[in-house]
Amino acid sequence: MLVESSKGRAPSRPVIASLIGLIVVIWAINFITAKIGLRSFPPLTMASFRVCAAGLVMIPFYLGVRRLRLAAFAKTDSAVGRGFTRRDAWTFLYLGFFGVSVNQFCFTLGLHYTSVSHSAIIVGMGPIYVLVLAVVLRLERATWHKAVGMAISFAGIAVLALEHGISAHSASLLGDAITMTGSVGFATYVVLGKRVAGEYDALTMTAYNHFAGALILLPLGIRQARLLGAAGNWRAVPWEAWAAILYMGVFGSAVAYLLYYWLLRYLEASQLSAFTYLLPVLATILGILTLGEKGSWMQLVGGGMALGGVYWTESGRSTT
């Protein structure tokens, strides 16, 4: 049974700001843990294990909370329930595909080929991807102000690509492209998820989306596990790599998505995605401090242009 709930009273601004800040910190650390895990796991193994782990973690958490909720509802007799329908299954399937399978898989895979700073800047352009989809779906109107902002952002990405030279064989360029694909997947999740945000509580939506995403990538995860086992490498994998998968599954996926979807019920998709201004800065600093990555003037200029374009676009959205 799925339990529907209304929006209820909106949380205060300090609470919203604190939760957004927590999500930023969780996802900034996510970049570092992914890099640590990729030192020991092949990229396809790390990416598929991360998604499957997130779905697995959600099962006991969801069942436990649901049992407590049903017990409370039985006492108060105030619950409004409805059966699980085909429409629910389809909703969770496509949101799980875009928001979990595509986004999390491509994020992890892309980091194998590019740096934390590049990946963070591309992810930080989330509001641009959301805007493009909103315009395509006719949820927002395109203006010259927005178009200029998007052009500046993508010019910044071009500057980042020039840092290592634009070549079809450039590993960084490949990683950037894969990361952008994942970010577009998450933007699709945000825009489509906003349409149904009032129909499901945050836990139900997060849990079933992760179930669906994990099921989609489960065949790949099983294949990679067999390859890892055949090579006799299970015991050779250091605990840091397993801890990285656990962190990405529990915090980077389940906890962060739960908070994100709950906030999505009270904020516009573009408002919530704007927090990504802070993500590239914090992730880049962590990459330099913990992984020894080196910054460059090209990264500074390209990143500044990309995020400046996001700011310009968002300022235009608030006045149109």
C-alpha atoms as a PDB file:
ATOM      1  CA  MET A   1       0.000   0.000   0.000  1.00  0.00           C
ATOM      2  CA  LEU A   2       1.230   3.480  -0.853  1.00  0.00           C
ATOM      3  CA  VAL A   3       0.446   6.220   1.630  1.00  0.00           C
ATOM      4  CA  GLU A   4      -0.335   9.630   0.215  1.00  0.00           C
ATOM      5  CA  SER A   5       0.397  12.786   2.147  1.00  0.00           C
ATOM      6  CA  SER A   6      -0.207  16.442   1.492  1.00  0.00           C
ATOM      7  CA  LYS A   7       2.540  19.007   1.550  1.00  0.00           C
ATOM      8  CA  GLY A   8       1.786  20.124   5.052  1.00  0.00           C
ATOM      9  CA  ARG A   9       3.368  23.187   6.594  1.00  0.00           C
ATOM     10  CA  ALA A  10       6.503  24.299   4.769  1.00  0.00           C
ATOM     11  CA  PRO A  11       9.704  24.149   6.845  1.00  0.00           C
ATOM     12  CA  SER A  12      11.342  27.381   7.939  1.00  0.00           C
ATOM     13  CA  ARG A  13      14.075  29.015   5.885  1.00  0.00           C
ATOM     14  CA  PRO A  14      16.835  28.086   8.375  1.00  0.00           C
ATOM     15  CA  VAL A  15      15.750  24.441   8.196  1.00  0.00           C
ATOM     16  CA  ILE A  16      15.682  24.498   4.379  1.00  0.00           C
ATOM     17  CA  ALA A  17      19.095  26.198   4.235  1.00  0.00           C
ATOM     18  CA  SER A  18      20.571  23.690   6.701  1.00  0.00           C
ATOM     19  CA  LEU A  19      19.276  20.694   4.754  1.00  0.00           C
ATOM     20  CA  ILE A  20      20.510  22.099   1.452  1.00  0.00           C
ATOM     21  CA  GLY A  21      23.912  22.669   3.048  1.00  0.00           C
ATOM     22  CA  LEU A  22      23.933  19.068   4.296  1.00  0.00           C
ATOM     23  CA  ILE A  23      23.164  17.773   0.796  1.00  0.00           C
ATOM     24  CA  VAL A  24      26.009  19.870  -0.633  1.00  0.00           C
ATOM     25  CA  VAL A  25      28.481  18.434   1.887  1.00  0.00           C
ATOM     26  CA  ILE A  26      27.293  14.851   1.310  1.00  0.00           C
ATOM     27  CA  TRP A  27      27.585  15.154  -2.467  1.00  0.00           C
ATOM     28  CA  ALA A  28      30.930  16.973  -2.314  1.00  0.00           C
ATOM     29  CA  ILE A  29      32.373  14.090  -0.270  1.00  0.00           C
ATOM     30  CA  ASN A  30      30.757  11.738  -2.785  1.00  0.00           C
ATOM     31  CA  PHE A  31      33.277  12.882  -5.416  1.00  0.00           C
ATOM     32  CA  ILE A  32      36.172  11.944  -3.142  1.00  0.00           C
ATOM     33  CA  THR A  33      34.791   8.565  -2.108  1.00  0.00           C
ATOM     34  CA  ALA A  34      34.118   7.665  -5.752  1.00  0.00           C
ATOM     35  CA  LYS A  35      37.738   8.420  -6.655  1.00  0.00           C
ATOM     36  CA  ILE A  36      38.949   6.313  -3.728  1.00  0.00           C
ATOM     37  CA  GLY A  37      36.778   3.384  -4.767  1.00  0.00           C
ATOM     38  CA  LEU A  38      37.914   3.652  -8.393  1.00  0.00           C
ATOM     39  CA  ARG A  39      41.495   3.050  -7.276  1.00  0.00           C
ATOM     40  CA  SER A  40      40.556  -0.551  -6.472  1.00  0.00           C
ATOM     41  CA  PHE A  41      37.486  -1.339  -8.595  1.00  0.00           C
ATOM     42  CA  PRO A  42      37.143  -1.305 -12.394  1.00  0.00           C
ATOM     43  CA  PRO A  43      34.851   1.605 -13.384  1.00  0.00           C
ATOM     44  CA  LEU A  44      31.923  -0.576 -14.504  1.00  0.00           C
ATOM     45  CA  THR A  45      32.151  -2.573 -11.273  1.00  0.00           C
ATOM     46  CA  MET A  46      32.259   0.510  -9.071  1.00  0.00           C
ATOM     47  CA  ALA A  47      29.377   2.196 -10.911  1.00  0.00           C
ATOM     48  CA  SER A  48      27.065  -0.829 -10.888  1.00  0.00           C
ATOM     49  CA  PHE A  49      27.920  -1.837  -7.297  1.00  0.00           C
ATOM     50  CA  ARG A  50      27.172   1.705  -6.123  1.00  0.00           C
ATOM     51  CA  VAL A  51      23.674   1.732  -7.662  1.00  0.00           C
ATOM     52  CA  CYS A  52      22.848  -1.802  -6.496  1.00  0.00           C
ATOM     53  CA  ALA A  53      24.106  -1.007  -2.987  1.00  0.00           C
ATOM     54  CA  ALA A  54      21.815   2.028  -2.812  1.00  0.00           C
ATOM     55  CA  GLY A  55      18.788  -0.075  -3.715  1.00  0.00           C
ATOM     56  CA  LEU A  56      19.788  -2.779  -1.231  1.00  0.00           C
ATOM     57  CA  VAL A  57      20.250  -0.278   1.603  1.00  0.00           C
ATOM     58  CA  MET A  58      16.800   1.182   1.006  1.00  0.00           C
ATOM     59  CA  ILE A  59      14.982  -2.150   1.489  1.00  0.00           C
ATOM     60  CA  PRO A  60      15.359  -2.622   5.286  1.00  0.00           C
ATOM     61  CA  PHE A  61      15.170   1.121   5.902  1.00  0.00           C
ATOM     62  CA  TYR A  62      11.930   1.491   3.960  1.00  0.00           C
ATOM     63  CA  LEU A  63      10.302  -1.630   5.457  1.00  0.00           C
ATOM     64  CA  GLY A  64      11.233  -0.590   8.981  1.00  0.00           C
ATOM     65  CA  VAL A  65       9.892   2.945   8.663  1.00  0.00           C
ATOM     66  CA  ARG A  66       6.776   1.710   6.856  1.00  0.00           C
ATOM     67  CA  ARG A  67       6.004  -0.726   9.678  1.00  0.00           C
ATOM     68  CA  LEU A  68       6.297   2.044  12.258  1.00  0.00           C
ATOM     69  CA  ARG A  69       4.149   4.321  10.123  1.00  0.00           C
ATOM     70  CA  LEU A  70       1.404   1.746   9.649  1.00  0.00           C
ATOM     71  CA  ALA A  71       1.388   1.039  13.378  1.00  0.00           C
ATOM     72  CA  ALA A  72       0.963   4.727  14.115  1.00  0.00           C
ATOM     73  CA  PHE A  73      -1.774   5.047  11.505  1.00  0.00           C
ATOM     74  CA  ALA A  74      -3.610   2.065  12.987  1.00  0.00           C
ATOM     75  CA  LYS A  75      -3.740   3.844  16.329  1.00  0.00           C
ATOM     76  CA  THR A  76      -4.888   7.192  14.990  1.00  0.00           C
ATOM     77  CA  ASP A  77      -6.945   5.823  12.066  1.00  0.00           C
ATOM     78  CA  SER A  78      -5.933   8.916  10.089  1.00  0.00           C
ATOM     79  CA  ALA A  79      -4.104   7.325   7.190  1.00  0.00           C
ATOM     80  CA  VAL A  80      -5.345   7.531   3.664  1.00  0.00           C
ATOM     81  CA  GLY A  81      -4.006   4.624   1.664  1.00  0.00           C
ATOM     82  CA  ARG A  82      -4.365   3.363  -1.881  1.00  0.00           C
ATOM     83  CA  GLY A  83      -3.196   0.334  -3.727  1.00  0.00           C
ATOM     84  CA  PHE A  84      -0.086   0.027  -5.862  1.00  0.00           C
ATOM     85  CA  THR A  85      -1.105   0.747  -9.456  1.00  0.00           C
ATOM     86  CA  ARG A  86       0.519   0.315 -12.861  1.00  0.00           C
ATOM     87  CA  ARG A  87       0.852   4.081 -13.065  1.00  0.00           C
ATOM     88  CA  ASP A  88       2.866   4.049  -9.816  1.00  0.00           C
ATOM     89  CA  ALA A  89       5.125   1.327 -11.193  1.00  0.00           C
ATOM     90  CA  TRP A  90       5.708   3.281 -14.414  1.00  0.00           C
ATOM     91  CA  THR A  91       6.425   6.483 -12.472  1.00  0.00           C
ATOM     92  CA  PHE A  92       9.018   4.793 -10.274  1.00  0.00           C
ATOM     93  CA  LEU A  93      10.540   3.015 -13.261  1.00  0.00           C
ATOM     94  CA  TYR A  94      11.242   6.087 -15.379  1.00  0.00           C
ATOM     95  CA  LEU A  95      12.282   8.231 -12.414  1.00  0.00           C
ATOM     96  CA  GLY A  96      14.551   5.449 -11.188  1.00  0.00           C
ATOM     97  CA  PHE A  97      16.045   5.118 -14.660  1.00  0.00           C
ATOM     98  CA  PHE A  98      16.899   8.807 -15.050  1.00  0.00           C
ATOM     99  CA  GLY A  99      17.575   9.781 -11.439  1.00  0.00           C
ATOM    100  CA  VAL A 100      19.360   6.649 -10.244  1.00  0.00           C
ATOM    101  CA  SER A 101      20.538   4.402 -13.084  1.00  0.00           C
ATOM    102  CA  VAL A 102      21.667   7.073 -15.550  1.00  0.00           C
ATOM    103  CA  ASN A 103      22.749   9.736 -13.066  1.00  0.00           C
ATOM    104  CA  GLN A 104      24.617   7.644 -10.511  1.00  0.00           C
ATOM    105  CA  PHE A 105      26.117   5.230 -13.025  1.00  0.00           C
ATOM    106  CA  CYS A 106      27.430   7.977 -15.329  1.00  0.00           C
ATOM    107  CA  PHE A 107      28.643  10.084 -12.397  1.00  0.00           C
ATOM    108  CA  THR A 108      30.807   7.241 -11.101  1.00  0.00           C
ATOM    109  CA  LEU A 109      31.960   6.082 -14.526  1.00  0.00           C
ATOM    110  CA  GLY A 110      32.812   9.620 -15.633  1.00  0.00           C
ATOM    111  CA  LEU A 111      35.015  10.217 -12.592  1.00  0.00           C
ATOM    112  CA  HIS A 112      37.257   7.371 -13.748  1.00  0.00           C
ATOM    113  CA  TYR A 113      38.297   9.473 -16.739  1.00  0.00           C
ATOM    114  CA  THR A 114      38.194  13.036 -15.449  1.00  0.00           C
ATOM    115  CA  SER A 115      39.132  15.048 -12.378  1.00  0.00           C
ATOM    116  CA  VAL A 116      36.996  16.001  -9.396  1.00  0.00           C
ATOM    117  CA  SER A 117      37.128  19.680 -10.381  1.00  0.00           C
ATOM    118  CA  HIS A 118      35.945  19.020 -13.951  1.00  0.00           C
ATOM    119  CA  SER A 119      33.193  16.687 -12.784  1.00  0.00           C
ATOM    120  CA  ALA A 120      32.031  19.076 -10.069  1.00  0.00           C
ATOM    121  CA  ILE A 121      31.780  22.019 -12.472  1.00  0.00           C
ATOM    122  CA  ILE A 122      29.767  19.981 -14.957  1.00  0.00           C
ATOM    123  CA  VAL A 123      27.453  18.772 -12.189  1.00  0.00           C
ATOM    124  CA  GLY A 124      27.269  22.363 -10.939  1.00  0.00           C
ATOM    125  CA  MET A 125      25.605  23.350 -14.199  1.00  0.00           C
ATOM    126  CA  GLY A 126      22.499  21.467 -13.084  1.00  0.00           C
ATOM    127  CA  PRO A 127      20.205  24.529 -13.275  1.00  0.00           C
ATOM    128  CA  ILE A 128      21.114  24.932 -16.958  1.00  0.00           C
ATOM    129  CA  TYR A 129      20.103  21.359 -17.743  1.00  0.00           C
ATOM    130  CA  VAL A 130      16.883  21.822 -15.756  1.00  0.00           C
ATOM    131  CA  LEU A 131      16.126  25.018 -17.673  1.00  0.00           C
ATOM    132  CA  VAL A 132      16.692  23.395 -21.064  1.00  0.00           C
ATOM    133  CA  LEU A 133      14.332  20.543 -20.179  1.00  0.00           C
ATOM    134  CA  ALA A 134      11.758  22.945 -18.736  1.00  0.00           C
ATOM    135  CA  VAL A 135      11.793  24.910 -22.001  1.00  0.00           C
ATOM    136  CA  VAL A 136      11.536  21.755 -24.105  1.00  0.00           C
ATOM    137  CA  LEU A 137       8.594  20.541 -22.021  1.00  0.00           C
ATOM    138  CA  ARG A 138       7.067  24.046 -22.215  1.00  0.00           C
ATOM    139  CA  LEU A 139       7.206  24.530 -18.474  1.00  0.00           C
ATOM    140  CA  GLU A 140       9.212  27.735 -18.919  1.00  0.00           C
ATOM    141  CA  ARG A 141       9.608  30.319 -21.653  1.00  0.00           C
ATOM    142  CA  ALA A 142      12.936  30.864 -23.388  1.00  0.00           C
ATOM    143  CA  THR A 143      14.308  34.434 -23.318  1.00  0.00           C
ATOM    144  CA  TRP A 144      17.436  36.149 -24.605  1.00  0.00           C
ATOM    145  CA  HIS A 145      18.640  36.597 -21.042  1.00  0.00           C
ATOM    146  CA  LYS A 146      18.463  32.865 -20.406  1.00  0.00           C
ATOM    147  CA  ALA A 147      20.017  32.044 -23.778  1.00  0.00           C
ATOM    148  CA  VAL A 148      23.008  34.283 -23.057  1.00  0.00           C
ATOM    149  CA  GLY A 149      23.513  32.632 -19.664  1.00  0.00           C
ATOM    150  CA  MET A 150      23.418  29.158 -21.205  1.00  0.00           C
ATOM    151  CA  ALA A 151      25.894  30.204 -23.899  1.00  0.00           C
ATOM    152  CA  ILE A 152      28.325  31.512 -21.265  1.00  0.00           C
ATOM    153  CA  SER A 153      28.061  28.285 -19.261  1.00  0.00           C
ATOM    154  CA  PHE A 154      28.717  26.037 -22.236  1.00  0.00           C
ATOM    155  CA  ALA A 155      31.594  28.276 -23.291  1.00  0.00           C
ATOM    156  CA  GLY A 156      33.075  27.645 -19.848  1.00  0.00           C
ATOM    157  CA  ILE A 157      32.789  23.899 -20.430  1.00  0.00           C
ATOM    158  CA  ALA A 158      34.590  24.385 -23.764  1.00  0.00           C
ATOM    159  CA  VAL A 159      37.431  26.133 -21.923  1.00  0.00           C
ATOM    160  CA  LEU A 160      37.693  23.159 -19.564  1.00  0.00           C
ATOM    161  CA  ALA A 161      37.891  20.831 -22.556  1.00  0.00           C
ATOM    162  CA  LEU A 162      40.721  22.896 -24.031  1.00  0.00           C
ATOM    163  CA  GLU A 163      42.803  22.350 -20.897  1.00  0.00           C
ATOM    164  CA  HIS A 164      43.835  18.889 -22.089  1.00  0.00           C
ATOM    165  CA  GLY A 165      43.217  19.484 -25.768  1.00  0.00           C
ATOM    166  CA  ILE A 166      40.064  18.590 -27.681  1.00  0.00           C
ATOM    167  CA  SER A 167      40.565  15.116 -29.104  1.00  0.00           C
ATOM    168  CA  ALA A 168      38.325  12.142 -29.640  1.00  0.00           C
ATOM    169  CA  HIS A 169      40.904  10.133 -27.695  1.00  0.00           C
ATOM    170  CA  SER A 170      41.074  12.497 -24.718  1.00  0.00           C
ATOM    171  CA  ALA A 171      40.216  10.617 -21.515  1.00  0.00           C
ATOM    172  CA  SER A 172      39.208  13.832 -19.751  1.00  0.00           C
ATOM    173  CA  LEU A 173      36.884  14.824 -22.582  1.00  0.00           C
ATOM    174  CA  LEU A 174      35.279  11.363 -22.466  1.00  0.00           C
ATOM    175  CA  GLY A 175      34.851  11.621 -18.706  1.00  0.00           C
ATOM    176  CA  ASP A 176      33.346  15.088 -18.989  1.00  0.00           C
ATOM    177  CA  ALA A 177      30.859  13.845 -21.615  1.00  0.00           C
ATOM    178  CA  ILE A 178      29.831  10.862 -19.481  1.00  0.00           C
ATOM    179  CA  THR A 179      29.443  13.104 -16.422  1.00  0.00           C
ATOM    180  CA  MET A 180      27.269  15.528 -18.383  1.00  0.00           C
ATOM    181  CA  THR A 181      25.063  12.648 -19.501  1.00  0.00           C
ATOM    182  CA  GLY A 182      24.526  11.707 -15.871  1.00  0.00           C
ATOM    183  CA  SER A 183      23.761  15.311 -14.922  1.00  0.00           C
ATOM    184  CA  VAL A 184      21.185  15.571 -17.699  1.00  0.00           C
ATOM    185  CA  GLY A 185      19.656  12.373 -16.332  1.00  0.00           C
ATOM    186  CA  PHE A 186      19.343  13.940 -12.884  1.00  0.00           C
ATOM    187  CA  ALA A 187      17.867  17.110 -14.373  1.00  0.00           C
ATOM    188  CA  THR A 188      15.249  14.950 -16.084  1.00  0.00           C
ATOM    189  CA  TYR A 189      14.538  13.322 -12.745  1.00  0.00           C
ATOM    190  CA  VAL A 190      14.109  16.726 -11.074  1.00  0.00           C
ATOM    191  CA  VAL A 191      11.744  18.112 -13.724  1.00  0.00           C
ATOM    192  CA  LEU A 192       9.617  14.973 -14.016  1.00  0.00           C
ATOM    193  CA  GLY A 193       9.745  14.320 -10.270  1.00  0.00           C
ATOM    194  CA  LYS A 194       8.381  17.780  -9.529  1.00  0.00           C
ATOM    195  CA  ARG A 195       5.201  16.864 -11.407  1.00  0.00           C
ATOM    196  CA  VAL A 196       4.425  14.005  -9.010  1.00  0.00           C
ATOM    197  CA  ALA A 197       6.063  15.370  -5.852  1.00  0.00           C
ATOM    198  CA  GLY A 198       2.703  15.919  -4.167  1.00  0.00           C
ATOM    199  CA  GLU A 199       1.470  12.369  -4.808  1.00  0.00           C
ATOM    200  CA  TYR A 200       4.025  10.424  -2.773  1.00  0.00           C
ATOM    201  CA  ASP A 201       5.838  10.968   0.491  1.00  0.00           C
ATOM    202  CA  ALA A 202       9.597  11.432   0.275  1.00  0.00           C
ATOM    203  CA  LEU A 203      10.491   8.000   1.664  1.00  0.00           C
ATOM    204  CA  THR A 204       8.186   6.089  -0.686  1.00  0.00           C
ATOM    205  CA  MET A 205       9.409   7.960  -3.756  1.00  0.00           C
ATOM    206  CA  THR A 206      13.087   7.642  -2.817  1.00  0.00           C
ATOM    207  CA  ALA A 207      12.817   3.959  -1.951  1.00  0.00           C
ATOM    208  CA  TYR A 208      10.944   2.825  -5.040  1.00  0.00           C
ATOM    209  CA  ASN A 209      13.074   4.956  -7.348  1.00  0.00           C
ATOM    210  CA  HIS A 210      16.193   3.288  -5.961  1.00  0.00           C
ATOM    211  CA  PHE A 211      14.595  -0.151  -6.176  1.00  0.00           C
ATOM    212  CA  ALA A 212      13.857   0.447  -9.854  1.00  0.00           C
ATOM    213  CA  GLY A 213      17.300   1.905 -10.561  1.00  0.00           C
ATOM    214  CA  ALA A 214      19.023  -1.023  -8.852  1.00  0.00           C
ATOM    215  CA  LEU A 215      16.947  -3.594 -10.736  1.00  0.00           C
ATOM    216  CA  ILE A 216      17.846  -1.968 -14.060  1.00  0.00           C
ATOM    217  CA  LEU A 217      21.579  -2.283 -13.342  1.00  0.00           C
ATOM    218  CA  LEU A 218      21.419  -5.572 -11.414  1.00  0.00           C
ATOM    219  CA  PRO A 219      22.375  -7.734 -14.441  1.00  0.00           C
ATOM    220  CA  LEU A 220      25.508  -5.650 -14.975  1.00  0.00           C
ATOM    221  CA  GLY A 221      26.305  -5.781 -11.262  1.00  0.00           C
ATOM    222  CA  ILE A 222      26.031  -9.593 -11.251  1.00  0.00           C
ATOM    223  CA  ARG A 223      28.263  -9.819 -14.319  1.00  0.00           C
ATOM    224  CA  GLN A 224      30.908  -7.583 -12.753  1.00  0.00           C
ATOM    225  CA  ALA A 225      30.764  -9.541  -9.497  1.00  0.00           C
ATOM    226  CA  ARG A 226      31.420 -12.759 -11.396  1.00  0.00           C
ATOM    227  CA  LEU A 227      34.382 -11.204 -13.176  1.00  0.00           C
ATOM    228  CA  LEU A 228      35.767  -9.966  -9.878  1.00  0.00           C
ATOM    229  CA  GLY A 229      35.283 -13.382  -8.298  1.00  0.00           C
ATOM    230  CA  ALA A 230      36.818 -15.195 -11.244  1.00  0.00           C
ATOM    231  CA  ALA A 231      39.939 -13.117 -10.858  1.00  0.00           C
ATOM    232  CA  GLY A 232      40.097 -13.949  -7.151  1.00  0.00           C
ATOM    233  CA  ASN A 233      40.242 -10.292  -6.186  1.00  0.00           C
ATOM    234  CA  TRP A 234      37.553 -10.073  -3.487  1.00  0.00           C
ATOM    235  CA  ARG A 235      39.969 -10.392  -0.588  1.00  0.00           C
ATOM    236  CA  ALA A 236      42.459  -8.102  -2.265  1.00  0.00           C
ATOM    237  CA  VAL A 237      40.039  -5.191  -2.314  1.00  0.00           C
ATOM    238  CA  PRO A 238      40.974  -2.821   0.557  1.00  0.00           C
ATOM    239  CA  TRP A 239      38.397  -1.794   3.121  1.00  0.00           C
ATOM    240  CA  GLU A 240      38.550   1.821   1.913  1.00  0.00           C
ATOM    241  CA  ALA A 241      37.048   0.760  -1.422  1.00  0.00           C
ATOM    242  CA  TRP A 242      34.161  -1.080   0.242  1.00  0.00           C
ATOM    243  CA  ALA A 243      33.643   1.883   2.569  1.00  0.00           C
ATOM    244  CA  ALA A 244      33.454   4.136  -0.495  1.00  0.00           C
ATOM    245  CA  ILE A 245      30.663   2.024  -2.010  1.00  0.00           C
ATOM    246  CA  LEU A 246      28.848   1.958   1.336  1.00  0.00           C
ATOM    247  CA  TYR A 247      29.094   5.747   1.707  1.00  0.00           C
ATOM    248  CA  MET A 248      27.881   6.351  -1.854  1.00  0.00           C
ATOM    249  CA  GLY A 249      25.007   3.916  -1.382  1.00  0.00           C
ATOM    250  CA  VAL A 250      23.864   5.121   2.041  1.00  0.00           C
ATOM    251  CA  PHE A 251      24.649   8.837   2.076  1.00  0.00           C
ATOM    252  CA  GLY A 252      25.356   9.866  -1.522  1.00  0.00           C
ATOM    253  CA  SER A 253      22.250   8.066  -2.740  1.00  0.00           C
ATOM    254  CA  ALA A 254      19.617   7.149  -0.140  1.00  0.00           C
ATOM    255  CA  VAL A 255      20.028   9.953   2.423  1.00  0.00           C
ATOM    256  CA  ALA A 256      20.764  12.752  -0.051  1.00  0.00           C
ATOM    257  CA  TYR A 257      17.936  11.755  -2.405  1.00  0.00           C
ATOM    258  CA  LEU A 258      15.509  11.467   0.499  1.00  0.00           C
ATOM    259  CA  LEU A 259      16.312  14.994   1.630  1.00  0.00           C
ATOM    260  CA  TYR A 260      16.314  16.307  -1.936  1.00  0.00           C
ATOM    261  CA  TYR A 261      12.910  14.874  -2.817  1.00  0.00           C
ATOM    262  CA  TRP A 262      11.416  16.077   0.475  1.00  0.00           C
ATOM    263  CA  LEU A 263      12.642  19.619  -0.249  1.00  0.00           C
ATOM    264  CA  LEU A 264      11.335  19.334  -3.821  1.00  0.00           C
ATOM    265  CA  ARG A 265       7.808  19.301  -2.385  1.00  0.00           C
ATOM    266  CA  TYR A 266       8.288  22.832  -1.054  1.00  0.00           C
ATOM    267  CA  LEU A 267      10.637  24.463  -3.586  1.00  0.00           C
ATOM    268  CA  GLU A 268      10.612  24.906  -7.338  1.00  0.00           C
ATOM    269  CA  ALA A 269      12.934  22.580  -9.233  1.00  0.00           C
ATOM    270  CA  SER A 270      15.042  25.535 -10.407  1.00  0.00           C
ATOM    271  CA  GLN A 271      15.294  26.929  -6.861  1.00  0.00           C
ATOM    272  CA  LEU A 272      16.503  23.642  -5.443  1.00  0.00           C
ATOM    273  CA  SER A 273      18.957  22.952  -8.260  1.00  0.00           C
ATOM    274  CA  ALA A 274      20.563  26.385  -7.738  1.00  0.00           C
ATOM    275  CA  PHE A 275      22.362  25.087  -4.614  1.00  0.00           C
ATOM    276  CA  THR A 276      24.872  23.520  -7.009  1.00  0.00           C
ATOM    277  CA  TYR A 277      26.698  26.873  -7.041  1.00  0.00           C
ATOM    278  CA  LEU A 278      28.478  25.708  -3.890  1.00  0.00           C
ATOM    279  CA  LEU A 279      29.108  22.105  -4.908  1.00  0.00           C
ATOM    280  CA  PRO A 280      31.982  22.683  -7.398  1.00  0.00           C
ATOM    281  CA  VAL A 281      33.838  24.930  -4.974  1.00  0.00           C
ATOM    282  CA  LEU A 282      33.679  22.523  -2.039  1.00  0.00           C
ATOM    283  CA  ALA A 283      34.346  19.418  -4.162  1.00  0.00           C
ATOM    284  CA  THR A 284      37.355  21.021  -5.855  1.00  0.00           C
ATOM    285  CA  ILE A 285      38.844  22.070  -2.510  1.00  0.00           C
ATOM    286  CA  LEU A 286      38.357  18.553  -1.143  1.00  0.00           C
ATOM    287  CA  GLY A 287      39.943  17.081  -4.281  1.00  0.00           C
ATOM    288  CA  ILE A 288      43.035  19.243  -3.830  1.00  0.00           C
ATOM    289  CA  LEU A 289      43.325  18.564  -0.090  1.00  0.00           C
ATOM    290  CA  THR A 290      42.596  14.812  -0.049  1.00  0.00           C
ATOM    291  CA  LEU A 291      43.548  13.530  -3.506  1.00  0.00           C
ATOM    292  CA  GLY A 292      46.400  15.868  -4.366  1.00  0.00           C
ATOM    293  CA  GLU A 293      44.700  17.158  -7.512  1.00  0.00           C
ATOM    294  CA  LYS A 294      46.190  20.311  -9.000  1.00  0.00           C
ATOM    295  CA  GLY A 295      44.226  23.324 -10.083  1.00  0.00           C
ATOM    296  CA  SER A 296      44.979  25.424 -13.145  1.00  0.00           C
ATOM    297  CA  TRP A 297      44.114  28.789 -14.627  1.00  0.00           C
ATOM    298  CA  MET A 298      42.091  27.030 -17.314  1.00  0.00           C
ATOM    299  CA  GLN A 299      39.971  25.367 -14.633  1.00  0.00           C
ATOM    300  CA  LEU A 300      39.540  28.664 -12.812  1.00  0.00           C
ATOM    301  CA  VAL A 301      38.489  30.541 -15.958  1.00  0.00           C
ATOM    302  CA  GLY A 302      36.313  27.743 -17.328  1.00  0.00           C
ATOM    303  CA  GLY A 303      34.679  27.072 -13.984  1.00  0.00           C
ATOM    304  CA  GLY A 304      34.070  30.766 -13.402  1.00  0.00           C
ATOM    305  CA  MET A 305      32.435  31.127 -16.816  1.00  0.00           C
ATOM    306  CA  ALA A 306      30.282  28.013 -16.336  1.00  0.00           C
ATOM    307  CA  LEU A 307      29.011  29.020 -12.912  1.00  0.00           C
ATOM    308  CA  GLY A 308      28.737  32.681 -13.944  1.00  0.00           C
ATOM    309  CA  GLY A 309      26.465  31.609 -16.771  1.00  0.00           C
ATOM    310  CA  VAL A 310      24.344  29.653 -14.307  1.00  0.00           C
ATOM    311  CA  TYR A 311      24.037  32.718 -12.093  1.00  0.00           C
ATOM    312  CA  TRP A 312      23.136  34.937 -15.056  1.00  0.00           C
ATOM    313  CA  THR A 313      20.496  32.453 -16.182  1.00  0.00           C
ATOM    314  CA  GLU A 314      18.962  32.097 -12.731  1.00  0.00           C
ATOM    315  CA  SER A 315      18.788  35.878 -12.277  1.00  0.00           C
ATOM    316  CA  GLY A 316      16.873  36.058 -15.532  1.00  0.00           C
ATOM    317  CA  ARG A 317      14.447  33.384 -14.446  1.00  0.00           C
ATOM    318  CA  SER A 318      13.447  35.346 -11.362  1.00  0.00           C
ATOM    319  CA  THR A 319      12.483  38.398 -13.393  1.00  0.00           C
ATOM    320  CA  THR A 320      10.516  36.762 -16.217  1.00  0.00           C
END
